[in-house]
Amino acid sequence: MYSEYIRAHGQQVYFDEASAKLYASSMPNPEERPVRHIRAGDVYREYNRLLRGFRWPFVLSATAVIVASMIGLATPWIFKGLFDVISSAKPSPDSAARALFFFGWFAATEFAGFVVWRISGFLTAWAVPEAIRRLHVQTYAYLIRHSYRFFSDRFAGSVVRQVNRFMDAFDQIHDIVHWE
């Protein structure tokens, strides 16, 4: 029986039935592929490969977040200067002009920070759905190239569920990297 199995798959048998059983038990079933455990690095590499040529919105958005955060760091320094002018000076036109100068800088930095945060938000709101759409198209195009046997051997709903988890993970990973 086992020797017939081995002969059926194009292998020559030079041993008896007991050795054939041992040989067959040590060989993987040719219809089963070994299970490969996927690591986070594999997922990141696949996202990187699928989004090749579409990275500029993510780079611009990340740069906008960094710039907006740096603008936000200037606010305490401006407040320090404003409070130093208010607390140490006697009321005079010069101290009022310096206080207005710091207040103007505060308003300018807050406005600039608001604009840069909005730019980052708009880029993210446009790029993430577009990236997910591209990932869907490319992933399902890859799945369609599989044979009919692939889909008959596996429950199609579980394949679709795994693909959807792959897409949802992109959104979650992007949110963690971008906003935290």
C-alpha atoms as a PDB file:
ATOM      1  CA  MET A   1       0.000   0.000   0.000  1.00  0.00           C
ATOM      2  CA  TYR A   2       2.645   2.560   0.997  1.00  0.00           C
ATOM      3  CA  SER A   3       4.973   1.388  -1.731  1.00  0.00           C
ATOM      4  CA  GLU A   4       2.155   1.929  -4.211  1.00  0.00           C
ATOM      5  CA  TYR A   5       1.715   5.443  -2.824  1.00  0.00           C
ATOM      6  CA  ILE A   6       5.387   6.159  -3.325  1.00  0.00           C
ATOM      7  CA  ARG A   7       5.409   4.646  -6.829  1.00  0.00           C
ATOM      8  CA  ALA A   8       2.332   6.672  -7.751  1.00  0.00           C
ATOM      9  CA  HIS A   9       4.252   9.858  -7.055  1.00  0.00           C
ATOM     10  CA  GLY A  10       7.131   8.941  -9.325  1.00  0.00           C
ATOM     11  CA  GLN A  11       9.577   7.689  -6.713  1.00  0.00           C
ATOM     12  CA  GLN A  12      11.409   4.376  -6.890  1.00  0.00           C
ATOM     13  CA  VAL A  13      11.191   1.995  -3.976  1.00  0.00           C
ATOM     14  CA  TYR A  14      14.153  -0.195  -3.046  1.00  0.00           C
ATOM     15  CA  PHE A  15      12.940  -1.443   0.317  1.00  0.00           C
ATOM     16  CA  ASP A  16      10.248  -3.606   1.912  1.00  0.00           C
ATOM     17  CA  GLU A  17       6.801  -2.661   3.235  1.00  0.00           C
ATOM     18  CA  ALA A  18       7.975  -1.810   6.800  1.00  0.00           C
ATOM     19  CA  SER A  19      10.653   0.518   5.487  1.00  0.00           C
ATOM     20  CA  ALA A  20       8.131   2.041   3.117  1.00  0.00           C
ATOM     21  CA  LYS A  21       5.814   2.828   6.056  1.00  0.00           C
ATOM     22  CA  LEU A  22       8.650   4.521   7.899  1.00  0.00           C
ATOM     23  CA  TYR A  23       9.685   6.414   4.761  1.00  0.00           C
ATOM     24  CA  ALA A  24       6.114   7.510   4.013  1.00  0.00           C
ATOM     25  CA  SER A  25       5.518   8.680   7.584  1.00  0.00           C
ATOM     26  CA  SER A  26       8.651  10.825   7.487  1.00  0.00           C
ATOM     27  CA  MET A  27       7.753  12.454   4.158  1.00  0.00           C
ATOM     28  CA  PRO A  28       5.263  15.317   4.043  1.00  0.00           C
ATOM     29  CA  ASN A  29       2.057  14.708   2.200  1.00  0.00           C
ATOM     30  CA  PRO A  30       2.585  16.251  -1.250  1.00  0.00           C
ATOM     31  CA  GLU A  31      -0.920  17.664  -1.189  1.00  0.00           C
ATOM     32  CA  GLU A  32      -0.280  19.489   2.075  1.00  0.00           C
ATOM     33  CA  ARG A  33       2.083  22.381   2.296  1.00  0.00           C
ATOM     34  CA  PRO A  34       3.929  22.912   5.543  1.00  0.00           C
ATOM     35  CA  VAL A  35       2.411  25.557   7.766  1.00  0.00           C
ATOM     36  CA  ARG A  36       4.495  28.709   7.750  1.00  0.00           C
ATOM     37  CA  HIS A  37       4.184  30.980  10.733  1.00  0.00           C
ATOM     38  CA  ILE A  38       3.948  34.594   9.676  1.00  0.00           C
ATOM     39  CA  ARG A  39       5.780  37.188  11.703  1.00  0.00           C
ATOM     40  CA  ALA A  40       5.185  40.923  11.922  1.00  0.00           C
ATOM     41  CA  GLY A  41       8.206  41.584   9.705  1.00  0.00           C
ATOM     42  CA  ASP A  42       6.623  39.472   6.959  1.00  0.00           C
ATOM     43  CA  VAL A  43       3.469  41.584   7.103  1.00  0.00           C
ATOM     44  CA  TYR A  44       5.444  44.851   7.040  1.00  0.00           C
ATOM     45  CA  ARG A  45       7.477  43.631   4.046  1.00  0.00           C
ATOM     46  CA  GLU A  46       4.306  42.690   2.199  1.00  0.00           C
ATOM     47  CA  TYR A  47       2.728  46.092   2.900  1.00  0.00           C
ATOM     48  CA  ASN A  48       5.918  47.763   1.710  1.00  0.00           C
ATOM     49  CA  ARG A  49       5.946  45.696  -1.480  1.00  0.00           C
ATOM     50  CA  LEU A  50       2.261  46.287  -2.222  1.00  0.00           C
ATOM     51  CA  LEU A  51       2.499  50.048  -1.656  1.00  0.00           C
ATOM     52  CA  ARG A  52       5.588  50.583  -3.776  1.00  0.00           C
ATOM     53  CA  GLY A  53       5.216  53.862  -5.656  1.00  0.00           C
ATOM     54  CA  PHE A  54       2.567  55.149  -3.230  1.00  0.00           C
ATOM     55  CA  ARG A  55       4.682  56.163  -0.240  1.00  0.00           C
ATOM     56  CA  TRP A  56       4.836  59.935  -0.703  1.00  0.00           C
ATOM     57  CA  PRO A  57       1.488  60.699   1.028  1.00  0.00           C
ATOM     58  CA  PHE A  58       2.595  58.721   4.082  1.00  0.00           C
ATOM     59  CA  VAL A  59       5.986  60.441   4.168  1.00  0.00           C
ATOM     60  CA  LEU A  60       4.388  63.886   3.814  1.00  0.00           C
ATOM     61  CA  SER A  61       1.817  63.094   6.473  1.00  0.00           C
ATOM     62  CA  ALA A  62       4.471  61.841   8.905  1.00  0.00           C
ATOM     63  CA  THR A  63       6.579  64.924   8.203  1.00  0.00           C
ATOM     64  CA  ALA A  64       3.549  67.146   8.876  1.00  0.00           C
ATOM     65  CA  VAL A  65       2.974  65.389  12.223  1.00  0.00           C
ATOM     66  CA  ILE A  66       6.610  65.956  13.194  1.00  0.00           C
ATOM     67  CA  VAL A  67       6.496  69.638  12.170  1.00  0.00           C
ATOM     68  CA  ALA A  68       3.190  70.194  13.993  1.00  0.00           C
ATOM     69  CA  SER A  69       4.595  68.580  17.131  1.00  0.00           C
ATOM     70  CA  MET A  70       7.672  70.792  16.945  1.00  0.00           C
ATOM     71  CA  ILE A  71       5.485  73.870  16.524  1.00  0.00           C
ATOM     72  CA  GLY A  72       3.576  72.773  19.613  1.00  0.00           C
ATOM     73  CA  LEU A  73       6.850  72.668  21.543  1.00  0.00           C
ATOM     74  CA  ALA A  74       7.358  76.407  20.915  1.00  0.00           C
ATOM     75  CA  THR A  75       4.182  77.364  22.793  1.00  0.00           C
ATOM     76  CA  PRO A  76       5.623  77.035  26.354  1.00  0.00           C
ATOM     77  CA  TRP A  77       8.614  79.205  25.413  1.00  0.00           C
ATOM     78  CA  ILE A  78       6.321  81.875  24.042  1.00  0.00           C
ATOM     79  CA  PHE A  79       4.199  81.732  27.196  1.00  0.00           C
ATOM     80  CA  LYS A  80       7.327  82.021  29.328  1.00  0.00           C
ATOM     81  CA  GLY A  81       8.342  85.182  27.496  1.00  0.00           C
ATOM     82  CA  LEU A  82       4.804  86.589  27.745  1.00  0.00           C
ATOM     83  CA  PHE A  83       4.545  85.875  31.479  1.00  0.00           C
ATOM     84  CA  ASP A  84       8.025  87.292  32.108  1.00  0.00           C
ATOM     85  CA  VAL A  85       6.987  90.554  30.421  1.00  0.00           C
ATOM     86  CA  ILE A  86       3.688  90.710  32.307  1.00  0.00           C
ATOM     87  CA  SER A  87       5.096  89.871  35.735  1.00  0.00           C
ATOM     88  CA  SER A  88       8.361  91.835  35.733  1.00  0.00           C
ATOM     89  CA  ALA A  89       7.507  95.104  34.043  1.00  0.00           C
ATOM     90  CA  LYS A  90       5.695  98.137  35.205  1.00  0.00           C
ATOM     91  CA  PRO A  91       2.814  99.099  32.964  1.00  0.00           C
ATOM     92  CA  SER A  92       4.328 101.012  30.082  1.00  0.00           C
ATOM     93  CA  PRO A  93       3.891 101.230  26.315  1.00  0.00           C
ATOM     94  CA  ASP A  94       7.132  99.272  25.858  1.00  0.00           C
ATOM     95  CA  SER A  95       5.990  96.338  28.015  1.00  0.00           C
ATOM     96  CA  ALA A  96       2.583  96.353  26.293  1.00  0.00           C
ATOM     97  CA  ALA A  97       4.315  96.229  22.887  1.00  0.00           C
ATOM     98  CA  ARG A  98       6.502  93.310  24.028  1.00  0.00           C
ATOM     99  CA  ALA A  99       3.455  91.484  25.414  1.00  0.00           C
ATOM    100  CA  LEU A 100       1.619  91.995  22.110  1.00  0.00           C
ATOM    101  CA  PHE A 101       4.716  90.719  20.294  1.00  0.00           C
ATOM    102  CA  PHE A 102       4.637  87.462  22.297  1.00  0.00           C
ATOM    103  CA  PHE A 103       0.876  87.216  21.900  1.00  0.00           C
ATOM    104  CA  GLY A 104       1.290  87.637  18.130  1.00  0.00           C
ATOM    105  CA  TRP A 105       3.928  84.870  18.071  1.00  0.00           C
ATOM    106  CA  PHE A 106       1.599  82.666  20.095  1.00  0.00           C
ATOM    107  CA  ALA A 107      -1.267  83.233  17.645  1.00  0.00           C
ATOM    108  CA  ALA A 108       1.025  82.623  14.646  1.00  0.00           C
ATOM    109  CA  THR A 109       2.419  79.362  16.025  1.00  0.00           C
ATOM    110  CA  GLU A 110      -1.036  78.101  16.994  1.00  0.00           C
ATOM    111  CA  PHE A 111      -2.356  78.928  13.522  1.00  0.00           C
ATOM    112  CA  ALA A 112       0.652  77.304  11.844  1.00  0.00           C
ATOM    113  CA  GLY A 113       0.237  74.209  14.032  1.00  0.00           C
ATOM    114  CA  PHE A 114      -3.471  74.063  13.153  1.00  0.00           C
ATOM    115  CA  VAL A 115      -2.713  74.308   9.428  1.00  0.00           C
ATOM    116  CA  VAL A 116      -0.025  71.627   9.552  1.00  0.00           C
ATOM    117  CA  TRP A 117      -2.258  69.272  11.602  1.00  0.00           C
ATOM    118  CA  ARG A 118      -5.051  69.778   9.044  1.00  0.00           C
ATOM    119  CA  ILE A 119      -2.660  69.008   6.183  1.00  0.00           C
ATOM    120  CA  SER A 120      -1.608  65.819   7.942  1.00  0.00           C
ATOM    121  CA  GLY A 121      -5.235  64.888   8.577  1.00  0.00           C
ATOM    122  CA  PHE A 122      -6.290  65.507   4.977  1.00  0.00           C
ATOM    123  CA  LEU A 123      -3.341  63.527   3.604  1.00  0.00           C
ATOM    124  CA  THR A 124      -4.138  60.653   5.948  1.00  0.00           C
ATOM    125  CA  ALA A 125      -7.855  60.756   5.147  1.00  0.00           C
ATOM    126  CA  TRP A 126      -7.033  60.513   1.435  1.00  0.00           C
ATOM    127  CA  ALA A 127      -4.050  58.135   1.517  1.00  0.00           C
ATOM    128  CA  VAL A 128      -5.248  55.408   3.890  1.00  0.00           C
ATOM    129  CA  PRO A 129      -8.472  54.519   2.010  1.00  0.00           C
ATOM    130  CA  GLU A 130      -6.575  54.688  -1.283  1.00  0.00           C
ATOM    131  CA  ALA A 131      -3.856  52.398   0.103  1.00  0.00           C
ATOM    132  CA  ILE A 132      -6.455  49.959   1.442  1.00  0.00           C
ATOM    133  CA  ARG A 133      -8.168  49.979  -1.947  1.00  0.00           C
ATOM    134  CA  ARG A 134      -4.859  49.202  -3.654  1.00  0.00           C
ATOM    135  CA  LEU A 135      -4.138  46.443  -1.160  1.00  0.00           C
ATOM    136  CA  HIS A 136      -7.596  44.940  -1.780  1.00  0.00           C
ATOM    137  CA  VAL A 137      -7.151  44.997  -5.543  1.00  0.00           C
ATOM    138  CA  GLN A 138      -3.673  43.505  -5.468  1.00  0.00           C
ATOM    139  CA  THR A 139      -4.515  40.870  -2.869  1.00  0.00           C
ATOM    140  CA  TYR A 140      -7.663  39.682  -4.600  1.00  0.00           C
ATOM    141  CA  ALA A 141      -5.846  39.696  -7.956  1.00  0.00           C
ATOM    142  CA  TYR A 142      -3.292  37.393  -6.358  1.00  0.00           C
ATOM    143  CA  LEU A 143      -6.033  35.116  -5.008  1.00  0.00           C
ATOM    144  CA  ILE A 144      -7.804  34.894  -8.358  1.00  0.00           C
ATOM    145  CA  ARG A 145      -4.667  33.405  -9.926  1.00  0.00           C
ATOM    146  CA  HIS A 146      -5.034  30.341  -7.694  1.00  0.00           C
ATOM    147  CA  SER A 147      -6.489  27.163  -9.090  1.00  0.00           C
ATOM    148  CA  TYR A 148     -10.011  25.953  -8.537  1.00  0.00           C
ATOM    149  CA  ARG A 149      -8.576  23.211  -6.323  1.00  0.00           C
ATOM    150  CA  PHE A 150      -7.195  25.821  -3.926  1.00  0.00           C
ATOM    151  CA  PHE A 151     -10.687  27.162  -3.295  1.00  0.00           C
ATOM    152  CA  SER A 152     -12.321  23.756  -3.163  1.00  0.00           C
ATOM    153  CA  ASP A 153      -9.780  22.511  -0.599  1.00  0.00           C
ATOM    154  CA  ARG A 154     -10.198  25.531   1.638  1.00  0.00           C
ATOM    155  CA  PHE A 155     -13.351  27.174   2.796  1.00  0.00           C
ATOM    156  CA  ALA A 156     -13.584  30.351   0.713  1.00  0.00           C
ATOM    157  CA  GLY A 157     -15.052  32.312   3.615  1.00  0.00           C
ATOM    158  CA  SER A 158     -11.952  31.743   5.715  1.00  0.00           C
ATOM    159  CA  VAL A 159      -9.720  32.961   2.871  1.00  0.00           C
ATOM    160  CA  VAL A 160     -11.775  36.141   2.519  1.00  0.00           C
ATOM    161  CA  ARG A 161     -11.742  36.615   6.291  1.00  0.00           C
ATOM    162  CA  GLN A 162      -7.941  36.307   6.351  1.00  0.00           C
ATOM    163  CA  VAL A 163      -7.606  38.826   3.521  1.00  0.00           C
ATOM    164  CA  ASN A 164      -9.913  41.242   5.337  1.00  0.00           C
ATOM    165  CA  ARG A 165      -7.866  40.837   8.524  1.00  0.00           C
ATOM    166  CA  PHE A 166      -4.760  41.659   6.460  1.00  0.00           C
ATOM    167  CA  MET A 167      -6.451  44.868   5.236  1.00  0.00           C
ATOM    168  CA  ASP A 168      -7.718  45.862   8.688  1.00  0.00           C
ATOM    169  CA  ALA A 169      -4.270  45.333  10.125  1.00  0.00           C
ATOM    170  CA  PHE A 170      -2.867  47.921   7.702  1.00  0.00           C
ATOM    171  CA  ASP A 171      -5.256  50.556   9.031  1.00  0.00           C
ATOM    172  CA  GLN A 172      -4.486  49.665  12.645  1.00  0.00           C
ATOM    173  CA  ILE A 173      -0.715  49.620  12.093  1.00  0.00           C
ATOM    174  CA  HIS A 174      -0.873  52.950  10.274  1.00  0.00           C
ATOM    175  CA  ASP A 175      -2.874  54.532  13.108  1.00  0.00           C
ATOM    176  CA  ILE A 176      -0.408  53.287  15.729  1.00  0.00           C
ATOM    177  CA  VAL A 177       2.658  54.416  13.784  1.00  0.00           C
ATOM    178  CA  HIS A 178       1.177  57.725  12.644  1.00  0.00           C
ATOM    179  CA  TRP A 179      -0.632  58.982  15.729  1.00  0.00           C
ATOM    180  CA  GLU A 180       1.187  57.459  18.695  1.00  0.00           C
END
